Amino acid sequence: MGAGKNQVKEISMAKNFACMVSDRVTYDAVQIHGGFGYMREYLVERLYRDNRILSIGGGTQEIMKEIISKIILQ
C-alpha cells in the first residue's frame, strides 16, 4: 500500500495527531493527580516529562503543520 509513493504528508499528519493526543493525555493525567503529578515519586511526572522531550525531539507540532501545509499547497 503506497509502495514507491512519497508519504511525507500522511506521515506528518499521523505524527502530529499522535503528538496532540499524547500531549492531551499526559496533561490530563497530571491535572487529575494535582500536585502529586509534579512529584518525581509518581509515574505520571516521568510520563509527562518524557512526552514533552519526545514531541520536541521528533519535530514540533508547528513544524509538522508547516510540512503538511506546504505539501497541500503544492
N, C-alpha and C. Protein backbone atom coordinates (compact mmCIF):
# COMPACT_ATOMS: atom_id res chain seq x y z
N MET A 1 0.84 -1.18 0.00
CA MET A 1 0.00 0.00 0.00
C MET A 1 0.88 1.23 0.00
N GLY A 2 0.86 1.99 -1.07
CA GLY A 2 1.64 3.21 -1.15
C GLY A 2 3.10 2.98 -1.45
N ALA A 3 3.47 1.79 -1.86
CA ALA A 3 4.88 1.49 -2.14
C ALA A 3 5.36 2.37 -3.28
N GLY A 4 6.49 3.01 -3.08
CA GLY A 4 7.07 3.86 -4.10
C GLY A 4 6.51 5.27 -4.13
N LYS A 5 5.52 5.55 -3.31
CA LYS A 5 4.93 6.89 -3.26
C LYS A 5 5.54 7.69 -2.10
N ASN A 6 5.57 8.97 -2.28
CA ASN A 6 6.05 9.85 -1.23
C ASN A 6 4.93 10.02 -0.19
N GLN A 7 5.16 9.57 1.01
CA GLN A 7 4.14 9.58 2.06
C GLN A 7 4.42 10.61 3.15
N VAL A 8 5.18 11.65 2.83
CA VAL A 8 5.58 12.62 3.85
C VAL A 8 4.37 13.30 4.48
N LYS A 9 3.39 13.68 3.68
CA LYS A 9 2.20 14.36 4.21
C LYS A 9 1.46 13.45 5.19
N GLU A 10 1.22 12.21 4.80
CA GLU A 10 0.48 11.29 5.66
C GLU A 10 1.24 10.97 6.94
N ILE A 11 2.54 10.80 6.81
CA ILE A 11 3.37 10.54 7.99
C ILE A 11 3.35 11.73 8.93
N SER A 12 3.48 12.93 8.38
CA SER A 12 3.45 14.14 9.20
C SER A 12 2.11 14.31 9.89
N MET A 13 1.03 14.01 9.18
CA MET A 13 -0.31 14.13 9.77
C MET A 13 -0.50 13.13 10.91
N ALA A 14 -0.04 11.90 10.71
CA ALA A 14 -0.16 10.88 11.75
C ALA A 14 0.69 11.25 12.97
N LYS A 15 1.89 11.71 12.72
CA LYS A 15 2.80 12.09 13.80
C LYS A 15 2.24 13.28 14.58
N ASN A 16 1.68 14.25 13.87
CA ASN A 16 1.10 15.42 14.52
C ASN A 16 -0.09 15.02 15.39
N PHE A 17 -0.95 14.15 14.87
CA PHE A 17 -2.10 13.70 15.63
C PHE A 17 -1.66 12.93 16.88
N ALA A 18 -0.69 12.03 16.71
CA ALA A 18 -0.20 11.24 17.85
C ALA A 18 0.39 12.15 18.92
N CYS A 19 1.12 13.17 18.52
CA CYS A 19 1.70 14.11 19.49
C CYS A 19 0.61 14.89 20.22
N MET A 20 -0.42 15.32 19.48
CA MET A 20 -1.51 16.07 20.11
C MET A 20 -2.24 15.20 21.14
N VAL A 21 -2.52 13.96 20.78
CA VAL A 21 -3.22 13.06 21.70
C VAL A 21 -2.34 12.76 22.92
N SER A 22 -1.08 12.48 22.69
CA SER A 22 -0.16 12.20 23.78
C SER A 22 -0.03 13.39 24.72
N ASP A 23 0.08 14.59 24.16
CA ASP A 23 0.15 15.80 24.99
C ASP A 23 -1.10 15.95 25.85
N ARG A 24 -2.24 15.74 25.24
CA ARG A 24 -3.51 15.91 25.95
C ARG A 24 -3.65 14.87 27.07
N VAL A 25 -3.34 13.63 26.77
CA VAL A 25 -3.49 12.55 27.75
C VAL A 25 -2.56 12.77 28.95
N THR A 26 -1.29 13.08 28.67
CA THR A 26 -0.36 13.27 29.79
C THR A 26 -0.69 14.53 30.59
N TYR A 27 -1.13 15.59 29.90
CA TYR A 27 -1.53 16.82 30.60
C TYR A 27 -2.73 16.53 31.52
N ASP A 28 -3.73 15.83 30.98
CA ASP A 28 -4.90 15.49 31.79
C ASP A 28 -4.52 14.62 32.98
N ALA A 29 -3.59 13.69 32.78
CA ALA A 29 -3.16 12.81 33.87
C ALA A 29 -2.51 13.63 34.99
N VAL A 30 -1.69 14.59 34.62
CA VAL A 30 -1.05 15.45 35.62
C VAL A 30 -2.12 16.27 36.35
N GLN A 31 -3.10 16.78 35.62
CA GLN A 31 -4.17 17.56 36.25
C GLN A 31 -4.99 16.72 37.21
N ILE A 32 -5.26 15.48 36.84
CA ILE A 32 -6.03 14.59 37.71
C ILE A 32 -5.28 14.32 39.01
N HIS A 33 -3.95 14.16 38.91
CA HIS A 33 -3.14 13.88 40.09
C HIS A 33 -2.86 15.13 40.92
N GLY A 34 -3.17 16.30 40.38
CA GLY A 34 -2.94 17.54 41.12
C GLY A 34 -1.46 17.74 41.40
N GLY A 35 -1.14 18.18 42.60
CA GLY A 35 0.24 18.44 42.98
C GLY A 35 1.12 17.20 42.92
N PHE A 36 0.53 16.04 43.11
CA PHE A 36 1.30 14.80 43.04
C PHE A 36 1.80 14.53 41.62
N GLY A 37 1.14 15.12 40.63
CA GLY A 37 1.55 14.93 39.24
C GLY A 37 2.91 15.53 38.93
N TYR A 38 3.40 16.39 39.81
CA TYR A 38 4.71 17.02 39.61
C TYR A 38 5.80 16.42 40.48
N MET A 39 5.45 15.43 41.27
CA MET A 39 6.43 14.82 42.17
C MET A 39 7.11 13.64 41.48
N ARG A 40 8.42 13.57 41.61
CA ARG A 40 9.19 12.52 40.94
C ARG A 40 8.85 11.11 41.41
N GLU A 41 8.22 10.98 42.54
CA GLU A 41 7.87 9.66 43.06
C GLU A 41 6.73 9.02 42.27
N TYR A 42 6.05 9.80 41.45
CA TYR A 42 4.88 9.30 40.73
C TYR A 42 5.19 9.15 39.25
N LEU A 43 4.72 8.05 38.67
CA LEU A 43 4.95 7.72 37.27
C LEU A 43 4.45 8.82 36.33
N VAL A 44 3.36 9.45 36.67
CA VAL A 44 2.76 10.44 35.78
C VAL A 44 3.73 11.61 35.52
N GLU A 45 4.54 11.95 36.49
CA GLU A 45 5.52 13.04 36.30
C GLU A 45 6.52 12.66 35.22
N ARG A 46 7.03 11.44 35.28
CA ARG A 46 8.01 11.00 34.28
C ARG A 46 7.37 10.90 32.89
N LEU A 47 6.15 10.40 32.83
CA LEU A 47 5.47 10.29 31.54
C LEU A 47 5.26 11.66 30.91
N TYR A 48 4.87 12.62 31.72
CA TYR A 48 4.67 13.98 31.21
C TYR A 48 5.99 14.57 30.72
N ARG A 49 7.03 14.41 31.50
CA ARG A 49 8.36 14.93 31.14
C ARG A 49 8.88 14.25 29.87
N ASP A 50 8.78 12.92 29.81
CA ASP A 50 9.23 12.18 28.63
C ASP A 50 8.44 12.57 27.39
N ASN A 51 7.15 12.76 27.55
CA ASN A 51 6.32 13.15 26.42
C ASN A 51 6.76 14.49 25.84
N ARG A 52 7.07 15.43 26.69
CA ARG A 52 7.50 16.75 26.21
C ARG A 52 8.81 16.63 25.43
N ILE A 53 9.75 15.85 25.93
CA ILE A 53 11.03 15.69 25.26
C ILE A 53 10.86 14.98 23.92
N LEU A 54 10.05 13.92 23.90
CA LEU A 54 9.85 13.17 22.66
C LEU A 54 9.16 14.01 21.59
N SER A 55 8.18 14.82 21.99
CA SER A 55 7.46 15.62 21.00
C SER A 55 8.34 16.73 20.44
N ILE A 56 9.26 17.24 21.23
CA ILE A 56 10.18 18.28 20.75
C ILE A 56 11.26 17.64 19.88
N GLY A 57 11.82 16.52 20.33
CA GLY A 57 12.89 15.85 19.59
C GLY A 57 12.43 15.27 18.27
N GLY A 58 11.18 14.87 18.20
CA GLY A 58 10.65 14.28 16.98
C GLY A 58 10.15 15.30 15.98
N GLY A 59 10.24 16.56 16.31
CA GLY A 59 9.72 17.62 15.44
C GLY A 59 8.48 18.21 16.09
N THR A 60 8.49 19.50 16.29
CA THR A 60 7.37 20.13 16.98
C THR A 60 6.12 20.10 16.12
N GLN A 61 4.99 20.29 16.77
CA GLN A 61 3.72 20.29 16.05
C GLN A 61 3.69 21.41 15.00
N GLU A 62 4.32 22.53 15.31
CA GLU A 62 4.35 23.64 14.36
C GLU A 62 5.10 23.25 13.08
N ILE A 63 6.19 22.53 13.23
CA ILE A 63 6.95 22.08 12.07
C ILE A 63 6.14 21.08 11.25
N MET A 64 5.46 20.15 11.94
CA MET A 64 4.63 19.18 11.23
C MET A 64 3.52 19.89 10.46
N LYS A 65 2.90 20.90 11.07
CA LYS A 65 1.84 21.66 10.39
C LYS A 65 2.39 22.39 9.18
N GLU A 66 3.60 22.93 9.31
CA GLU A 66 4.22 23.63 8.19
C GLU A 66 4.51 22.67 7.02
N ILE A 67 5.02 21.49 7.34
CA ILE A 67 5.30 20.49 6.30
C ILE A 67 4.00 20.10 5.59
N ILE A 68 2.96 19.83 6.37
CA ILE A 68 1.68 19.43 5.79
C ILE A 68 1.11 20.53 4.90
N SER A 69 1.15 21.77 5.38
CA SER A 69 0.57 22.87 4.60
C SER A 69 1.36 23.11 3.31
N LYS A 70 2.67 22.99 3.35
CA LYS A 70 3.48 23.17 2.13
C LYS A 70 3.13 22.12 1.09
N ILE A 71 2.96 20.88 1.53
CA ILE A 71 2.64 19.80 0.59
C ILE A 71 1.24 19.98 0.02
N ILE A 72 0.30 20.38 0.85
CA ILE A 72 -1.08 20.58 0.37
C ILE A 72 -1.15 21.71 -0.62
N LEU A 73 -0.38 22.77 -0.39
CA LEU A 73 -0.44 23.95 -1.27
C LEU A 73 0.35 23.79 -2.56
N GLN A 74 1.06 22.70 -2.71
CA GLN A 74 1.84 22.50 -3.95
C GLN A 74 0.93 22.20 -5.11
